[in-house]
Amino acid sequence: MKTLVIGGARSGKSRYAESLLLDRPDTTYVATGYPAAADDADWAMRVALHRSRRPASWTSVESIDLTALLGAQGGPLLIDCMTLWLTRAMDAHDAWTVDGWATRRAGLVAEVDALVDAVSASPRELVLVTNEVGQGIVPPDPGTRRFVDEMGALNSALGAVVADVVWCVAGRQVRL
């Protein structure tokens, strides 16, 4: 089983993704966001909420090195979330600035392609969580527009290599 769970902010996608693997004590939960920091109380609260919902039997890993995890044998992986992974990848490639982006984009594209290939080839049961960011207004700044475009491309590429895509909206799920 390879499932992509997609939705907007607070749509219920993480809870739904977790529910798919609750009966699997050998699950590894992969958190891709930046670690909680004392100077961002809201982010720390969100991280703590996610941690509190995980079964004690699950292993938790905080990493953006997903290709190694995807290639390893083992129980299911729940990766939450691809949006935060892309944010960190774009940070690493200085993708938010305009100057020289055409040159730097190749590195980001190669990283995304390697990730999608690893998802496709992974021997593990996978549940991937991602945000739908392209249904709102067009962002006014170039960096955020670039993020929306790259997120849409990543979601499309992942949707093409998984068996199931589930859209979460208003706490409900729709299979696509």
Protein backbone atom coordinates (compact mmCIF):
# COMPACT_ATOMS: atom_id res chain seq x y z
CA MET A 1 0.00 0.00 0.00
CA LYS A 2 1.27 3.45 -0.95
CA THR A 3 -1.12 6.25 -0.10
CA LEU A 4 -0.84 10.01 -0.55
CA VAL A 5 -3.08 11.96 1.84
CA ILE A 6 -3.59 15.52 0.62
CA GLY A 7 -5.54 18.46 1.98
CA GLY A 8 -5.41 22.00 3.22
CA ALA A 9 -4.34 23.26 6.63
CA ARG A 10 -6.28 21.69 9.50
CA SER A 11 -8.24 19.48 7.08
CA GLY A 12 -7.72 16.30 9.10
CA LYS A 13 -5.08 14.80 6.82
CA SER A 14 -2.54 13.91 9.53
CA ARG A 15 -5.15 12.31 11.77
CA TYR A 16 -6.49 10.31 8.83
CA ALA A 17 -2.99 9.21 7.79
CA GLU A 18 -2.29 8.08 11.35
CA SER A 19 -5.55 6.12 11.45
CA LEU A 20 -4.44 4.07 8.44
CA LEU A 21 -1.56 2.61 10.45
CA LEU A 22 -2.86 2.54 14.04
CA ASP A 23 -2.94 -1.26 14.03
CA ARG A 24 0.69 -1.45 12.84
CA PRO A 25 3.00 -1.30 15.88
CA ASP A 26 6.06 -1.45 13.60
CA THR A 27 5.31 1.92 11.99
CA THR A 28 8.02 4.54 11.70
CA TYR A 29 6.69 8.10 11.83
CA VAL A 30 8.96 10.46 9.90
CA ALA A 31 8.61 14.14 10.82
CA THR A 32 10.13 16.36 8.14
CA GLY A 33 9.54 19.78 9.69
CA TYR A 34 12.03 21.89 11.52
CA PRO A 35 12.37 20.84 15.17
CA ALA A 36 10.27 22.69 17.73
CA ALA A 37 12.00 25.84 18.93
CA ALA A 38 11.56 27.84 22.11
CA ASP A 39 11.17 31.08 20.13
CA ASP A 40 8.12 29.77 18.21
CA ALA A 41 5.46 28.70 20.71
CA ASP A 42 2.88 27.98 18.01
CA TRP A 43 5.20 25.62 16.12
CA ALA A 44 6.22 23.92 19.37
CA MET A 45 2.54 23.37 20.20
CA ARG A 46 1.85 21.86 16.77
CA VAL A 47 4.83 19.49 17.09
CA ALA A 48 3.74 18.47 20.61
CA LEU A 49 0.19 17.78 19.40
CA HIS A 50 1.43 15.50 16.63
CA ARG A 51 3.77 13.68 19.04
CA SER A 52 0.98 13.14 21.56
CA ARG A 53 -1.18 11.29 19.02
CA ARG A 54 1.45 8.72 18.04
CA PRO A 55 1.15 5.25 19.55
CA ALA A 56 3.96 4.41 21.98
CA SER A 57 4.93 1.41 19.81
CA TRP A 58 5.78 3.63 16.82
CA THR A 59 9.31 4.75 16.19
CA SER A 60 9.72 8.47 15.48
CA VAL A 61 12.41 9.91 13.24
CA GLU A 62 12.97 13.59 12.51
CA SER A 63 14.67 13.74 9.11
CA ILE A 64 14.50 15.05 5.59
CA ASP A 65 16.81 12.28 4.30
CA LEU A 66 13.85 10.30 3.02
CA THR A 67 15.53 8.31 0.25
CA ALA A 68 17.54 6.22 2.73
CA LEU A 69 14.44 5.43 4.79
CA LEU A 70 12.40 4.64 1.70
CA GLY A 71 15.04 2.22 0.41
CA ALA A 72 15.41 0.30 3.67
CA GLN A 73 13.47 -2.82 4.59
CA GLY A 74 11.10 -2.48 7.51
CA GLY A 75 7.60 -1.76 8.63
CA PRO A 76 5.37 1.00 7.32
CA LEU A 77 6.53 4.59 7.01
CA LEU A 78 4.23 7.51 7.72
CA ILE A 79 5.90 10.64 6.36
CA ASP A 80 4.39 13.88 7.64
CA CYS A 81 4.76 15.93 5.61
CA MET A 82 5.96 16.41 2.07
CA THR A 83 5.17 20.13 2.23
CA LEU A 84 7.61 20.65 5.08
CA TRP A 85 10.16 18.47 3.28
CA LEU A 86 9.86 20.68 0.19
CA THR A 87 10.14 23.83 2.32
CA ARG A 88 13.40 22.59 3.78
CA ALA A 89 14.67 21.46 0.36
CA MET A 90 13.88 24.89 -1.05
CA ASP A 91 15.69 26.49 1.90
CA ALA A 92 18.74 24.35 1.14
CA HIS A 93 18.67 25.41 -2.51
CA ASP A 94 17.99 29.09 -1.74
CA ALA A 95 14.86 28.79 -3.86
CA TRP A 96 13.03 31.72 -2.35
CA THR A 97 15.16 34.38 -4.01
CA VAL A 98 14.94 35.40 -7.65
CA ASP A 99 18.60 36.01 -8.41
CA GLY A 100 20.18 32.95 -9.99
CA TRP A 101 17.14 30.73 -9.49
CA ALA A 102 17.27 29.29 -13.00
CA THR A 103 20.73 27.89 -12.21
CA ARG A 104 19.88 26.61 -8.71
CA ARG A 105 16.56 25.02 -9.73
CA ALA A 106 18.32 22.02 -11.28
CA GLY A 107 19.52 20.93 -7.83
CA LEU A 108 16.01 21.09 -6.39
CA VAL A 109 14.53 19.24 -9.36
CA ALA A 110 17.15 16.48 -9.01
CA GLU A 111 16.35 16.13 -5.30
CA VAL A 112 12.60 15.94 -5.99
CA ASP A 113 13.11 13.42 -8.79
CA ALA A 114 15.27 11.22 -6.52
CA LEU A 115 12.58 11.35 -3.83
CA VAL A 116 9.78 10.40 -6.23
CA ASP A 117 11.90 7.54 -7.61
CA ALA A 118 12.56 6.33 -4.04
CA VAL A 119 8.83 6.41 -3.24
CA SER A 120 8.07 4.45 -6.40
CA ALA A 121 10.74 1.81 -5.69
CA SER A 122 10.23 1.56 -1.93
CA PRO A 123 9.51 -1.94 -0.62
CA ARG A 124 7.73 -0.45 2.39
CA GLU A 125 4.10 0.31 3.06
CA LEU A 126 3.87 4.11 2.80
CA VAL A 127 1.51 6.83 3.90
CA LEU A 128 2.60 10.27 2.76
CA VAL A 129 0.96 13.47 4.01
CA THR A 130 1.02 16.63 1.91
CA ASN A 131 -0.71 19.97 1.64
CA GLU A 132 -2.79 21.16 -1.27
CA VAL A 133 -1.53 24.73 -1.63
CA GLY A 134 -2.69 25.58 -5.13
CA GLN A 135 -6.38 26.23 -4.57
CA GLY A 136 -6.01 29.67 -3.06
CA ILE A 137 -5.10 33.03 -4.48
CA VAL A 138 -1.94 33.51 -6.52
CA PRO A 139 0.71 34.67 -4.03
CA PRO A 140 2.02 38.21 -4.57
CA ASP A 141 5.73 37.41 -4.19
CA PRO A 142 7.91 35.32 -6.52
CA GLY A 143 9.29 32.99 -3.82
CA THR A 144 5.86 31.91 -2.62
CA ARG A 145 4.58 31.53 -6.19
CA ARG A 146 7.59 29.30 -6.85
CA PHE A 147 6.75 27.23 -3.75
CA VAL A 148 3.13 26.76 -4.88
CA ASP A 149 4.34 25.68 -8.33
CA GLU A 150 6.96 23.27 -6.96
CA MET A 151 4.49 21.84 -4.41
CA GLY A 152 1.96 21.21 -7.17
CA ALA A 153 4.62 19.47 -9.26
CA LEU A 154 5.75 17.32 -6.31
CA ASN A 155 2.17 16.36 -5.42
CA SER A 156 1.45 15.43 -9.06
CA ALA A 157 4.61 13.34 -9.30
CA LEU A 158 3.83 11.52 -6.04
CA GLY A 159 0.22 10.98 -7.09
CA ALA A 160 1.48 9.22 -10.20
CA VAL A 161 3.55 6.64 -8.27
CA VAL A 162 1.24 5.75 -5.36
CA ALA A 163 -1.70 3.36 -5.46
CA ASP A 164 -4.14 5.61 -3.63
CA VAL A 165 -4.70 9.35 -3.20
CA VAL A 166 -7.08 10.58 -0.52
CA TRP A 167 -8.17 14.21 -0.35
CA CYS A 168 -9.11 15.52 3.08
CA VAL A 169 -11.46 18.45 3.35
CA ALA A 170 -13.48 19.62 6.35
CA GLY A 171 -12.43 16.53 8.28
CA ARG A 172 -13.75 14.15 5.62
CA GLN A 173 -11.96 11.99 3.13
CA VAL A 174 -12.55 11.57 -0.59
CA ARG A 175 -10.67 8.94 -2.58
CA LEU A 176 -9.38 10.32 -5.87
